[in-house]
């Protein structure tokens, strides 16, 4: 049975949270977590002080991921309200 256009709006709020994970993960890969860790490892190798560079990498990760997750959460709520979907309690 083919998927009709009426089923797409019903499925969109259900598929949005997993799809948002697919947005955040490539974004962080583009920035290059491995590159950031390598860059943080260089000063640590010279001074044997790894805490500060690794803390900066973690802080940068949080600066990027927390606002993105908050924006996606608001977008999910907006889509649910727009389509009239009742949110389930967890």
PDB file of N, CA and C in Angstrom:
ATOM      1  N   UNK A   1       0.849  -1.175   0.000  1.00  0.00           N
ATOM      2  CA  UNK A   1       0.000   0.000   0.000  1.00  0.00           C
ATOM      3  C   UNK A   1       0.897   1.241   0.000  1.00  0.00           C
ATOM      4  N   UNK A   2       0.716   2.109  -0.952  1.00  0.00           N
ATOM      5  CA  UNK A   2       1.575   3.298  -1.022  1.00  0.00           C
ATOM      6  C   UNK A   2       1.275   4.296   0.096  1.00  0.00           C
ATOM      7  N   UNK A   3       2.283   5.025   0.474  1.00  0.00           N
ATOM      8  CA  UNK A   3       2.121   6.052   1.504  1.00  0.00           C
ATOM      9  C   UNK A   3       1.418   7.248   0.874  1.00  0.00           C
ATOM     10  N   UNK A   4       0.378   7.681   1.497  1.00  0.00           N
ATOM     11  CA  UNK A   4      -0.385   8.808   0.972  1.00  0.00           C
ATOM     12  C   UNK A   4       0.116  10.093   1.634  1.00  0.00           C
ATOM     13  N   UNK A   5      -0.166  11.220   1.019  1.00  0.00           N
ATOM     14  CA  UNK A   5       0.291  12.496   1.548  1.00  0.00           C
ATOM     15  C   UNK A   5      -0.322  12.805   2.901  1.00  0.00           C
ATOM     16  N   UNK A   6      -1.455  12.205   3.223  1.00  0.00           N
ATOM     17  CA  UNK A   6      -2.074  12.440   4.527  1.00  0.00           C
ATOM     18  C   UNK A   6      -1.301  11.820   5.669  1.00  0.00           C
ATOM     19  N   UNK A   7      -0.508  10.802   5.383  1.00  0.00           N
ATOM     20  CA  UNK A   7       0.254  10.128   6.428  1.00  0.00           C
ATOM     21  C   UNK A   7       1.540  10.870   6.777  1.00  0.00           C
ATOM     22  N   UNK A   8       2.028  11.665   5.874  1.00  0.00           N
ATOM     23  CA  UNK A   8       3.291  12.368   6.109  1.00  0.00           C
ATOM     24  C   UNK A   8       3.186  13.344   7.276  1.00  0.00           C
ATOM     25  N   UNK A   9       2.152  14.209   7.350  1.00  0.00           N
ATOM     26  CA  UNK A   9       2.081  15.110   8.502  1.00  0.00           C
ATOM     27  C   UNK A   9       1.926  14.376   9.835  1.00  0.00           C
ATOM     28  N   UNK A  10       1.290  13.229   9.829  1.00  0.00           N
ATOM     29  CA  UNK A  10       1.127  12.462  11.068  1.00  0.00           C
ATOM     30  C   UNK A  10       2.451  11.857  11.512  1.00  0.00           C
ATOM     31  N   UNK A  11       3.254  11.460  10.573  1.00  0.00           N
ATOM     32  CA  UNK A  11       4.523  10.812  10.903  1.00  0.00           C
ATOM     33  C   UNK A  11       5.617  11.810  11.236  1.00  0.00           C
ATOM     34  N   UNK A  12       5.488  13.048  10.782  1.00  0.00           N
ATOM     35  CA  UNK A  12       6.555  14.026  10.955  1.00  0.00           C
ATOM     36  C   UNK A  12       6.919  14.286  12.418  1.00  0.00           C
ATOM     37  N   UNK A  13       5.946  14.519  13.333  1.00  0.00           N
ATOM     38  CA  UNK A  13       6.333  14.737  14.741  1.00  0.00           C
ATOM     39  C   UNK A  13       6.999  13.523  15.381  1.00  0.00           C
ATOM     40  N   UNK A  14       6.659  12.345  14.915  1.00  0.00           N
ATOM     41  CA  UNK A  14       7.254  11.129  15.473  1.00  0.00           C
ATOM     42  C   UNK A  14       8.690  10.959  14.981  1.00  0.00           C
ATOM     43  N   UNK A  15       8.936  11.323  13.732  1.00  0.00           N
ATOM     44  CA  UNK A  15      10.257  11.135  13.139  1.00  0.00           C
ATOM     45  C   UNK A  15      11.217  12.281  13.424  1.00  0.00           C
ATOM     46  N   UNK A  16      10.709  13.404  13.901  1.00  0.00           N
ATOM     47  CA  UNK A  16      11.561  14.578  14.089  1.00  0.00           C
ATOM     48  C   UNK A  16      12.654  14.389  15.151  1.00  0.00           C
ATOM     49  N   UNK A  17      12.382  13.828  16.337  1.00  0.00           N
ATOM     50  CA  UNK A  17      13.477  13.667  17.315  1.00  0.00           C
ATOM     51  C   UNK A  17      14.643  12.800  16.826  1.00  0.00           C
ATOM     52  N   UNK A  18      14.383  11.622  16.230  1.00  0.00           N
ATOM     53  CA  UNK A  18      15.537  10.876  15.713  1.00  0.00           C
ATOM     54  C   UNK A  18      16.244  11.597  14.565  1.00  0.00           C
ATOM     55  N   UNK A  19      15.484  12.307  13.758  1.00  0.00           N
ATOM     56  CA  UNK A  19      16.097  13.031  12.652  1.00  0.00           C
ATOM     57  C   UNK A  19      16.957  14.181  13.155  1.00  0.00           C
ATOM     58  N   UNK A  20      16.597  14.765  14.291  1.00  0.00           N
ATOM     59  CA  UNK A  20      17.408  15.853  14.841  1.00  0.00           C
ATOM     60  C   UNK A  20      18.764  15.339  15.303  1.00  0.00           C
ATOM     61  N   UNK A  21      18.828  14.093  15.751  1.00  0.00           N
ATOM     62  CA  UNK A  21      20.131  13.504  16.085  1.00  0.00           C
ATOM     63  C   UNK A  21      21.006  13.406  14.846  1.00  0.00           C
ATOM     64  N   UNK A  22      20.378  13.150  13.714  1.00  0.00           N
ATOM     65  CA  UNK A  22      21.137  13.079  12.472  1.00  0.00           C
ATOM     66  C   UNK A  22      21.638  14.449  12.037  1.00  0.00           C
ATOM     67  N   UNK A  23      21.066  15.513  12.577  1.00  0.00           N
ATOM     68  CA  UNK A  23      21.542  16.859  12.277  1.00  0.00           C
ATOM     69  C   UNK A  23      22.740  17.224  13.150  1.00  0.00           C
ATOM     70  N   UNK A  24      22.665  16.910  14.439  1.00  0.00           N
ATOM     71  CA  UNK A  24      23.707  17.315  15.380  1.00  0.00           C
ATOM     72  C   UNK A  24      24.994  16.531  15.155  1.00  0.00           C
ATOM     73  N   UNK A  25      24.879  15.235  14.922  1.00  0.00           N
ATOM     74  CA  UNK A  25      26.078  14.408  14.777  1.00  0.00           C
ATOM     75  C   UNK A  25      26.946  14.820  13.592  1.00  0.00           C
ATOM     76  N   UNK A  26      26.399  15.004  12.384  1.00  0.00           N
ATOM     77  CA  UNK A  26      27.266  15.455  11.290  1.00  0.00           C
ATOM     78  C   UNK A  26      27.818  16.858  11.500  1.00  0.00           C
ATOM     79  N   UNK A  27      27.049  17.698  12.207  1.00  0.00           N
ATOM     80  CA  UNK A  27      27.539  19.055  12.466  1.00  0.00           C
ATOM     81  C   UNK A  27      28.814  18.993  13.306  1.00  0.00           C
ATOM     82  N   UNK A  28      28.801  18.147  14.323  1.00  0.00           N
ATOM     83  CA  UNK A  28      29.989  18.019  15.162  1.00  0.00           C
ATOM     84  C   UNK A  28      31.121  17.311  14.415  1.00  0.00           C
ATOM     85  N   UNK A  29      30.778  16.417  13.517  1.00  0.00           N
ATOM     86  CA  UNK A  29      31.813  15.760  12.721  1.00  0.00           C
ATOM     87  C   UNK A  29      32.461  16.737  11.753  1.00  0.00           C
ATOM     88  N   UNK A  30      31.653  17.670  11.240  1.00  0.00           N
ATOM     89  CA  UNK A  30      32.195  18.675  10.330  1.00  0.00           C
ATOM     90  C   UNK A  30      33.209  19.544  11.052  1.00  0.00           C
ATOM     91  N   UNK A  31      32.880  19.929  12.262  1.00  0.00           N
ATOM     92  CA  UNK A  31      33.811  20.730  13.047  1.00  0.00           C
ATOM     93  C   UNK A  31      35.070  19.922  13.314  1.00  0.00           C
ATOM     94  N   UNK A  32      34.910  18.656  13.479  1.00  0.00           N
ATOM     95  CA  UNK A  32      36.060  17.788  13.649  1.00  0.00           C
ATOM     96  C   UNK A  32      36.447  17.601  15.096  1.00  0.00           C
ATOM     97  N   UNK A  33      35.714  16.746  15.784  1.00  0.00           N
ATOM     98  CA  UNK A  33      36.030  16.463  17.180  1.00  0.00           C
ATOM     99  C   UNK A  33      37.437  15.897  17.287  1.00  0.00           C
ATOM    100  N   UNK A  34      37.814  15.057  16.331  1.00  0.00           N
ATOM    101  CA  UNK A  34      39.173  14.491  16.357  1.00  0.00           C
ATOM    102  C   UNK A  34      40.215  15.588  16.193  1.00  0.00           C
ATOM    103  N   UNK A  35      39.925  16.558  15.322  1.00  0.00           N
ATOM    104  CA  UNK A  35      40.864  17.668  15.126  1.00  0.00           C
ATOM    105  C   UNK A  35      40.980  18.510  16.390  1.00  0.00           C
ATOM    106  N   UNK A  36      39.849  18.764  17.046  1.00  0.00           N
ATOM    107  CA  UNK A  36      39.881  19.530  18.300  1.00  0.00           C
ATOM    108  C   UNK A  36      40.678  18.792  19.377  1.00  0.00           C
ATOM    109  N   UNK A  37      40.468  17.485  19.459  1.00  0.00           N
ATOM    110  CA  UNK A  37      41.197  16.716  20.468  1.00  0.00           C
ATOM    111  C   UNK A  37      42.698  16.689  20.154  1.00  0.00           C
ATOM    112  N   UNK A  38      43.042  16.592  18.895  1.00  0.00           N
ATOM    113  CA  UNK A  38      44.461  16.612  18.524  1.00  0.00           C
ATOM    114  C   UNK A  38      45.079  17.971  18.848  1.00  0.00           C
ATOM    115  N   UNK A  39      44.322  19.034  18.560  1.00  0.00           N
ATOM    116  CA  UNK A  39      44.812  20.383  18.858  1.00  0.00           C
ATOM    117  C   UNK A  39      44.981  20.576  20.358  1.00  0.00           C
ATOM    118  N   UNK A  40      44.071  20.003  21.148  1.00  0.00           N
ATOM    119  CA  UNK A  40      44.183  20.115  22.602  1.00  0.00           C
ATOM    120  C   UNK A  40      45.318  19.259  23.145  1.00  0.00           C
ATOM    121  N   UNK A  41      45.643  18.199  22.457  1.00  0.00           N
ATOM    122  CA  UNK A  41      46.693  17.299  22.921  1.00  0.00           C
ATOM    123  C   UNK A  41      48.088  17.912  22.740  1.00  0.00           C
ATOM    124  N   UNK A  42      48.255  18.773  21.744  1.00  0.00           N
ATOM    125  CA  UNK A  42      49.581  19.354  21.462  1.00  0.00           C
ATOM    126  C   UNK A  42      50.126  20.168  22.629  1.00  0.00           C
ATOM    127  N   UNK A  43      49.376  21.147  23.192  1.00  0.00           N
ATOM    128  CA  UNK A  43      49.951  21.864  24.338  1.00  0.00           C
ATOM    129  C   UNK A  43      50.099  20.985  25.572  1.00  0.00           C
ATOM    130  N   UNK A  44      49.217  20.000  25.699  1.00  0.00           N
ATOM    131  CA  UNK A  44      49.334  19.100  26.843  1.00  0.00           C
ATOM    132  C   UNK A  44      50.590  18.265  26.787  1.00  0.00           C
ATOM    133  N   UNK A  45      51.014  17.900  25.595  1.00  0.00           N
ATOM    134  CA  UNK A  45      52.231  17.102  25.444  1.00  0.00           C
ATOM    135  C   UNK A  45      53.474  17.906  25.810  1.00  0.00           C
ATOM    136  N   UNK A  46      53.420  19.219  25.585  1.00  0.00           N
ATOM    137  CA  UNK A  46      54.572  20.063  25.916  1.00  0.00           C
ATOM    138  C   UNK A  46      54.651  20.381  27.403  1.00  0.00           C
ATOM    139  N   UNK A  47      53.512  20.659  28.009  1.00  0.00           N
ATOM    140  CA  UNK A  47      53.505  21.136  29.395  1.00  0.00           C
ATOM    141  C   UNK A  47      53.013  20.105  30.405  1.00  0.00           C
ATOM    142  N   UNK A  48      52.531  18.976  29.940  1.00  0.00           N
ATOM    143  CA  UNK A  48      51.936  17.937  30.791  1.00  0.00           C
ATOM    144  C   UNK A  48      50.716  18.459  31.562  1.00  0.00           C
ATOM    145  N   UNK A  49      50.068  19.458  31.005  1.00  0.00           N
ATOM    146  CA  UNK A  49      48.834  19.994  31.589  1.00  0.00           C
ATOM    147  C   UNK A  49      47.722  19.762  30.580  1.00  0.00           C
ATOM    148  N   UNK A  50      47.025  18.660  30.764  1.00  0.00           N
ATOM    149  CA  UNK A  50      45.982  18.277  29.819  1.00  0.00           C
ATOM    150  C   UNK A  50      44.602  18.792  30.215  1.00  0.00           C
ATOM    151  N   UNK A  51      44.422  19.150  31.454  1.00  0.00           N
ATOM    152  CA  UNK A  51      43.101  19.542  31.933  1.00  0.00           C
ATOM    153  C   UNK A  51      42.564  20.776  31.209  1.00  0.00           C
ATOM    154  N   UNK A  52      43.360  21.797  31.074  1.00  0.00           N
ATOM    155  CA  UNK A  52      42.886  23.045  30.471  1.00  0.00           C
ATOM    156  C   UNK A  52      42.508  22.882  28.995  1.00  0.00           C
ATOM    157  N   UNK A  53      43.376  22.277  28.157  1.00  0.00           N
ATOM    158  CA  UNK A  53      42.976  22.129  26.751  1.00  0.00           C
ATOM    159  C   UNK A  53      41.759  21.217  26.561  1.00  0.00           C
ATOM    160  N   UNK A  54      41.706  20.113  27.305  1.00  0.00           N
ATOM    161  CA  UNK A  54      40.566  19.213  27.170  1.00  0.00           C
ATOM    162  C   UNK A  54      39.293  19.861  27.707  1.00  0.00           C
ATOM    163  N   UNK A  55      39.420  20.692  28.720  1.00  0.00           N
ATOM    164  CA  UNK A  55      38.251  21.422  29.232  1.00  0.00           C
ATOM    165  C   UNK A  55      37.728  22.397  28.185  1.00  0.00           C
ATOM    166  N   UNK A  56      38.634  23.042  27.469  1.00  0.00           N
ATOM    167  CA  UNK A  56      38.207  23.957  26.397  1.00  0.00           C
ATOM    168  C   UNK A  56      37.473  23.211  25.290  1.00  0.00           C
ATOM    169  N   UNK A  57      37.964  22.033  24.933  1.00  0.00           N
ATOM    170  CA  UNK A  57      37.291  21.230  23.909  1.00  0.00           C
ATOM    171  C   UNK A  57      35.890  20.849  24.381  1.00  0.00           C
ATOM    172  N   UNK A  58      35.773  20.442  25.631  1.00  0.00           N
ATOM    173  CA  UNK A  58      34.457  20.114  26.177  1.00  0.00           C
ATOM    174  C   UNK A  58      33.539  21.320  26.222  1.00  0.00           C
ATOM    175  N   UNK A  59      34.095  22.465  26.564  1.00  0.00           N
ATOM    176  CA  UNK A  59      33.316  23.696  26.616  1.00  0.00           C
ATOM    177  C   UNK A  59      32.825  24.088  25.220  1.00  0.00           C
ATOM    178  N   UNK A  60      33.689  23.974  24.214  1.00  0.00           N
ATOM    179  CA  UNK A  60      33.272  24.256  22.836  1.00  0.00           C
ATOM    180  C   UNK A  60      32.171  23.312  22.377  1.00  0.00           C
ATOM    181  N   UNK A  61      32.306  22.046  22.738  1.00  0.00           N
ATOM    182  CA  UNK A  61      31.276  21.061  22.400  1.00  0.00           C
ATOM    183  C   UNK A  61      29.937  21.457  23.026  1.00  0.00           C
ATOM    184  N   UNK A  62      29.958  21.865  24.295  1.00  0.00           N
ATOM    185  CA  UNK A  62      28.723  22.278  24.961  1.00  0.00           C
ATOM    186  C   UNK A  62      28.149  23.554  24.366  1.00  0.00           C
ATOM    187  N   UNK A  63      29.014  24.496  23.996  1.00  0.00           N
ATOM    188  CA  UNK A  63      28.551  25.745  23.382  1.00  0.00           C
ATOM    189  C   UNK A  63      27.808  25.461  22.075  1.00  0.00           C
ATOM    190  N   UNK A  64      28.237  24.450  21.364  1.00  0.00           N
ATOM    191  CA  UNK A  64      27.593  24.120  20.093  1.00  0.00           C
ATOM    192  C   UNK A  64      26.368  23.243  20.300  1.00  0.00           C
ATOM    193  N   UNK A  65      26.468  22.220  21.120  1.00  0.00           N
ATOM    194  CA  UNK A  65      25.399  21.225  21.200  1.00  0.00           C
ATOM    195  C   UNK A  65      24.197  21.669  22.031  1.00  0.00           C
ATOM    196  N   UNK A  66      24.380  22.402  23.120  1.00  0.00           N
ATOM    197  CA  UNK A  66      23.245  22.787  23.963  1.00  0.00           C
ATOM    198  C   UNK A  66      22.302  23.755  23.248  1.00  0.00           C
ATOM    199  N   UNK A  67      22.785  24.836  22.618  1.00  0.00           N
ATOM    200  CA  UNK A  67      21.837  25.687  21.882  1.00  0.00           C
ATOM    201  C   UNK A  67      21.169  24.968  20.711  1.00  0.00           C
ATOM    202  N   UNK A  68      21.910  24.082  20.049  1.00  0.00           N
ATOM    203  CA  UNK A  68      21.307  23.333  18.948  1.00  0.00           C
ATOM    204  C   UNK A  68      20.195  22.428  19.456  1.00  0.00           C
ATOM    205  N   UNK A  69      20.429  21.742  20.560  1.00  0.00           N
ATOM    206  CA  UNK A  69      19.399  20.869  21.134  1.00  0.00           C
ATOM    207  C   UNK A  69      18.190  21.679  21.599  1.00  0.00           C
ATOM    208  N   UNK A  70      18.418  22.843  22.189  1.00  0.00           N
ATOM    209  CA  UNK A  70      17.296  23.687  22.626  1.00  0.00           C
ATOM    210  C   UNK A  70      16.487  24.178  21.433  1.00  0.00           C
ATOM    211  N   UNK A  71      17.172  24.582  20.361  1.00  0.00           N
ATOM    212  CA  UNK A  71      16.460  25.031  19.171  1.00  0.00           C
ATOM    213  C   UNK A  71      15.637  23.891  18.565  1.00  0.00           C
ATOM    214  N   UNK A  72      16.216  22.687  18.510  1.00  0.00           N
ATOM    215  CA  UNK A  72      15.489  21.546  17.959  1.00  0.00           C
ATOM    216  C   UNK A  72      14.288  21.184  18.820  1.00  0.00           C
ATOM    217  N   UNK A  73      14.418  21.312  20.139  1.00  0.00           N
ATOM    218  CA  UNK A  73      13.289  21.036  21.031  1.00  0.00           C
ATOM    219  C   UNK A  73      12.147  22.023  20.782  1.00  0.00           C
ATOM    220  N   UNK A  74      12.495  23.300  20.596  1.00  0.00           N
ATOM    221  CA  UNK A  74      11.468  24.304  20.289  1.00  0.00           C
ATOM    222  C   UNK A  74      10.833  24.030  18.931  1.00  0.00           C
ATOM    223  N   UNK A  75      11.646  23.621  17.965  1.00  0.00           N
ATOM    224  CA  UNK A  75      11.120  23.309  16.643  1.00  0.00           C
ATOM    225  C   UNK A  75      10.165  22.116  16.701  1.00  0.00           C
ATOM    226  N   UNK A  76      10.515  21.090  17.472  1.00  0.00           N
ATOM    227  CA  UNK A  76       9.637  19.930  17.633  1.00  0.00           C
ATOM    228  C   UNK A  76       8.308  20.341  18.251  1.00  0.00           C
ATOM    229  N   UNK A  77       8.346  21.195  19.265  1.00  0.00           N
ATOM    230  CA  UNK A  77       7.113  21.660  19.907  1.00  0.00           C
ATOM    231  C   UNK A  77       6.279  22.477  18.921  1.00  0.00           C
ATOM    232  N   UNK A  78       6.934  23.306  18.117  1.00  0.00           N
ATOM    233  CA  UNK A  78       6.218  24.117  17.136  1.00  0.00           C
ATOM    234  C   UNK A  78       5.534  23.237  16.096  1.00  0.00           C
ATOM    235  N   UNK A  79       6.242  22.215  15.631  1.00  0.00           N
ATOM    236  CA  UNK A  79       5.657  21.299  14.644  1.00  0.00           C
ATOM    237  C   UNK A  79       4.463  20.574  15.254  1.00  0.00           C
ATOM    238  N   UNK A  80       4.603  20.117  16.483  1.00  0.00           N
ATOM    239  CA  UNK A  80       3.494  19.421  17.136  1.00  0.00           C
ATOM    240  C   UNK A  80       2.288  20.332  17.295  1.00  0.00           C
ATOM    241  N   UNK A  81       2.522  21.585  17.708  1.00  0.00           N
ATOM    242  CA  UNK A  81       1.410  22.532  17.846  1.00  0.00           C
ATOM    243  C   UNK A  81       0.780  22.841  16.496  1.00  0.00           C
ATOM    244  N   UNK A  82       1.601  22.993  15.472  1.00  0.00           N
ATOM    245  CA  UNK A  82       1.093  23.337  14.138  1.00  0.00           C
ATOM    246  C   UNK A  82       0.202  22.244  13.587  1.00  0.00           C
ATOM    247  N   UNK A  83       0.580  21.009  13.840  1.00  0.00           N
ATOM    248  CA  UNK A  83      -0.192  19.885  13.304  1.00  0.00           C
ATOM    249  C   UNK A  83      -1.283  19.428  14.260  1.00  0.00           C
ATOM    250  N   UNK A  84      -1.372  20.035  15.420  1.00  0.00           N
ATOM    251  CA  UNK A  84      -2.415  19.677  16.377  1.00  0.00           C
ATOM    252  C   UNK A  84      -2.176  18.350  17.060  1.00  0.00           C
ATOM    253  N   UNK A  85      -0.933  17.961  17.207  1.00  0.00           N
ATOM    254  CA  UNK A  85      -0.603  16.692  17.862  1.00  0.00           C
ATOM    255  C   UNK A  85      -0.558  16.918  19.364  1.00  0.00           C
ATOM    256  N   UNK A  86      -1.226  16.043  20.095  1.00  0.00           N
ATOM    257  CA  UNK A  86      -1.207  16.135  21.549  1.00  0.00           C
ATOM    258  C   UNK A  86       0.073  15.482  22.035  1.00  0.00           C
ATOM    259  N   UNK A  87       0.820  16.209  22.849  1.00  0.00           N
ATOM    260  CA  UNK A  87       2.082  15.670  23.358  1.00  0.00           C
ATOM    261  C   UNK A  87       1.809  14.653  24.448  1.00  0.00           C
ATOM    262  N   UNK A  88       2.539  13.552  24.392  1.00  0.00           N
ATOM    263  CA  UNK A  88       2.393  12.494  25.387  1.00  0.00           C
ATOM    264  C   UNK A  88       3.255  12.797  26.601  1.00  0.00           C
ATOM    265  N   UNK A  89       2.762  12.405  27.766  1.00  0.00           N
ATOM    266  CA  UNK A  89       3.583  12.555  28.979  1.00  0.00           C
ATOM    267  C   UNK A  89       4.496  11.355  29.097  1.00  0.00           C
ATOM    268  N   UNK A  90       5.704  11.619  29.551  1.00  0.00           N
ATOM    269  CA  UNK A  90       6.692  10.533  29.658  1.00  0.00           C
ATOM    270  C   UNK A  90       6.736  10.021  31.056  1.00  0.00           C
TER     271      UNK A  90
END
